[in-house]
Protein backbone atom coordinates (compact mmCIF):
# COMPACT_ATOMS: atom_id res chain seq x y z
CA UNK A 1 -14.51 28.00 8.76
CA UNK A 2 -12.13 28.21 11.67
CA UNK A 3 -8.64 29.61 11.25
CA UNK A 4 -7.24 26.12 11.80
CA UNK A 5 -9.09 24.74 8.76
CA UNK A 6 -7.95 27.61 6.54
CA UNK A 7 -4.29 27.03 7.40
CA UNK A 8 -4.38 23.30 6.60
CA UNK A 9 -2.90 22.52 3.22
CA UNK A 10 -2.63 19.19 1.44
CA UNK A 11 -1.04 18.80 -1.98
CA UNK A 12 0.31 15.91 -4.03
CA UNK A 13 3.71 16.91 -5.38
CA UNK A 14 4.68 13.63 -7.06
CA UNK A 15 3.51 10.01 -7.33
CA UNK A 16 5.99 7.39 -8.53
CA UNK A 17 6.94 3.71 -8.51
CA UNK A 18 9.85 3.32 -6.10
CA UNK A 19 10.43 -0.43 -6.40
CA UNK A 20 8.80 -3.26 -8.32
CA UNK A 21 9.38 -7.00 -8.43
CA UNK A 22 7.65 -9.87 -10.22
CA UNK A 23 8.57 -13.53 -9.90
CA UNK A 24 6.99 -16.60 -11.42
CA UNK A 25 9.27 -19.34 -10.08
CA UNK A 26 7.23 -22.28 -11.42
CA UNK A 27 6.62 -21.06 -14.98
CA UNK A 28 5.93 -22.58 -17.44
CA UNK A 29 4.67 -25.62 -15.46
CA UNK A 30 2.19 -23.41 -13.57
CA UNK A 31 0.39 -22.67 -16.86
CA UNK A 32 -0.28 -26.39 -17.56
CA UNK A 33 -3.10 -26.63 -15.00
CA UNK A 34 -6.36 -25.76 -16.78
CA UNK A 35 -8.12 -24.57 -13.62
CA UNK A 36 -6.86 -21.23 -12.29
CA UNK A 37 -8.06 -20.86 -8.71
CA UNK A 38 -5.01 -19.82 -6.72
CA UNK A 39 -4.88 -18.87 -3.08
CA UNK A 40 -4.13 -15.13 -3.06
CA UNK A 41 -2.39 -13.48 -0.11
CA UNK A 42 -2.14 -9.67 -0.01
CA UNK A 43 0.10 -7.84 2.44
CA UNK A 44 0.12 -4.07 2.88
CA UNK A 45 2.67 -1.92 4.62
CA UNK A 46 3.11 1.84 4.76
CA UNK A 47 5.91 4.06 5.85
CA UNK A 48 6.36 7.77 5.86
CA UNK A 49 9.26 10.10 6.37
CA UNK A 50 9.63 13.83 6.49
CA UNK A 51 11.94 15.06 3.73
CA UNK A 52 11.56 18.79 4.41
CA UNK A 53 9.41 21.03 6.58
CA UNK A 54 5.80 20.12 5.71
CA UNK A 55 6.92 17.73 2.94
CA UNK A 56 6.57 13.97 3.45
CA UNK A 57 7.32 10.90 1.39
CA UNK A 58 4.82 8.10 1.92
CA UNK A 59 5.45 4.62 0.54
CA UNK A 60 2.77 1.97 0.22
CA UNK A 61 4.22 -1.53 -0.20
CA UNK A 62 1.83 -4.12 -1.60
CA UNK A 63 2.94 -7.74 -1.82
CA UNK A 64 0.71 -10.29 -3.55
CA UNK A 65 1.47 -14.00 -3.49
CA UNK A 66 -0.56 -16.47 -5.56
CA UNK A 67 -0.17 -20.16 -4.69
CA UNK A 68 -1.59 -23.32 -6.15
CA UNK A 69 -1.21 -25.93 -3.46
CA UNK A 70 2.32 -25.56 -2.13
CA UNK A 71 3.73 -24.04 -5.33
CA UNK A 72 4.03 -20.29 -5.86
CA UNK A 73 2.41 -19.23 -9.14
CA UNK A 74 3.63 -15.66 -8.80
CA UNK A 75 4.86 -13.13 -6.29
CA UNK A 76 4.57 -9.44 -7.07
CA UNK A 77 5.71 -6.55 -4.92
CA UNK A 78 5.11 -2.90 -5.66
CA UNK A 79 6.34 0.04 -3.62
CA UNK A 80 4.25 2.99 -4.70
CA UNK A 81 5.45 6.31 -3.31
CA UNK A 82 4.29 9.86 -3.22
CA UNK A 83 5.59 13.20 -2.05
CA UNK A 84 2.91 15.12 -0.20
CA UNK A 85 2.80 18.64 1.20
CA UNK A 86 1.02 18.66 4.54
CA UNK A 87 1.00 21.86 6.54
CA UNK A 88 -1.15 23.15 9.37
CA UNK A 89 -2.18 19.75 10.73
CA UNK A 90 -2.09 18.91 14.44
CA UNK A 91 0.22 15.93 15.23
CA UNK A 92 -2.69 13.49 15.68
CA UNK A 93 -4.23 14.65 12.38
CA UNK A 94 -0.88 14.37 10.61
CA UNK A 95 -0.59 10.73 11.71
CA UNK A 96 -3.95 9.94 10.14
CA UNK A 97 -3.09 11.81 6.95
CA UNK A 98 0.24 9.97 6.56
CA UNK A 99 -1.03 6.60 7.79
CA UNK A 100 -4.43 6.44 6.09
CA UNK A 101 -5.21 9.26 3.65
CA UNK A 102 -1.93 9.26 1.68
CA UNK A 103 -1.85 5.43 1.28
CA UNK A 104 -5.46 5.66 0.08
CA UNK A 105 -4.33 8.12 -2.61
CA UNK A 106 -1.46 5.78 -3.62
CA UNK A 107 -3.44 2.51 -3.67
CA UNK A 108 -5.12 2.87 -7.12
CA UNK A 109 -1.68 3.44 -8.68
CA UNK A 110 -0.28 0.35 -6.94
CA UNK A 111 -3.35 -1.71 -7.94
CA UNK A 112 -2.88 -0.71 -11.59
CA UNK A 113 0.85 -1.59 -11.51
CA UNK A 114 0.07 -5.00 -9.98
CA UNK A 115 -2.69 -5.75 -12.50
CA UNK A 116 -0.26 -4.85 -15.30
CA UNK A 117 2.59 -7.01 -13.98
CA UNK A 118 0.38 -10.03 -13.33
CA UNK A 119 -1.11 -9.96 -16.85
CA UNK A 120 2.34 -9.42 -18.41
CA UNK A 121 3.44 -12.48 -16.43
CA UNK A 122 0.87 -14.53 -18.37
CA UNK A 123 -1.76 -14.79 -15.63
CA UNK A 124 -5.41 -13.67 -15.64
CA UNK A 125 -5.83 -10.03 -14.61
CA UNK A 126 -5.80 -9.49 -10.86
CA UNK A 127 -7.81 -6.57 -9.52
CA UNK A 128 -7.25 -5.98 -5.83
CA UNK A 129 -10.32 -5.07 -3.80
CA UNK A 130 -10.49 -1.59 -2.32
CA UNK A 131 -8.87 -1.23 1.09
CA UNK A 132 -10.18 0.79 4.03
CA UNK A 133 -6.90 2.41 5.09
CA UNK A 134 -8.68 4.43 7.77
CA UNK A 135 -9.83 1.22 9.51
CA UNK A 136 -6.35 -0.33 9.16
CA UNK A 137 -4.75 2.79 10.62
CA UNK A 138 -7.17 2.84 13.58
CA UNK A 139 -6.53 -0.88 14.19
CA UNK A 140 -2.76 -0.25 14.14
CA UNK A 141 -3.13 2.68 16.58
CA UNK A 142 -5.13 0.45 18.97
CA UNK A 143 -2.42 -2.26 18.80
CA UNK A 144 0.31 0.31 19.53
CA UNK A 145 -1.71 1.64 22.48
CA UNK A 146 -2.34 -1.87 23.85
CA UNK A 147 1.36 -2.72 23.61
CA UNK A 148 2.24 0.51 25.40
CA UNK A 149 -0.24 -0.32 28.17
CA UNK A 150 1.22 -3.85 28.54
CA UNK A 151 4.76 -2.55 28.91
CA UNK A 152 3.81 -0.30 31.88
């Protein structure tokens, strides 16, 4: 092991729900339709901020909208946050940890909260598929780089 690897430290200090919202604007009419095959739209967003030296809060926002035709069956938004200790990482590694690894840690908690809210709202359980946060992060980095190249 190199010295660099030994000095790197990652620890989860806290995981918590920061914000949660559930709306079912067309209930109870939405329950009258016997066939439940909604169009599901999932949006993901992450943000991170340093709260102390080597301590970062990362928030994963997951918004799920279920529509039947032009009517919204439900809309659920969960902001799942965590406080992570990250020390000894080079800036480019830190970006990947905050932008991909930490959201990956948070996602199962967000998925569970969403499944819970949807079923409490009277709808069949919704289990979100796993997400490759590493691929999303790399895609985002490429977009940022392309935009930077265009502006020169």
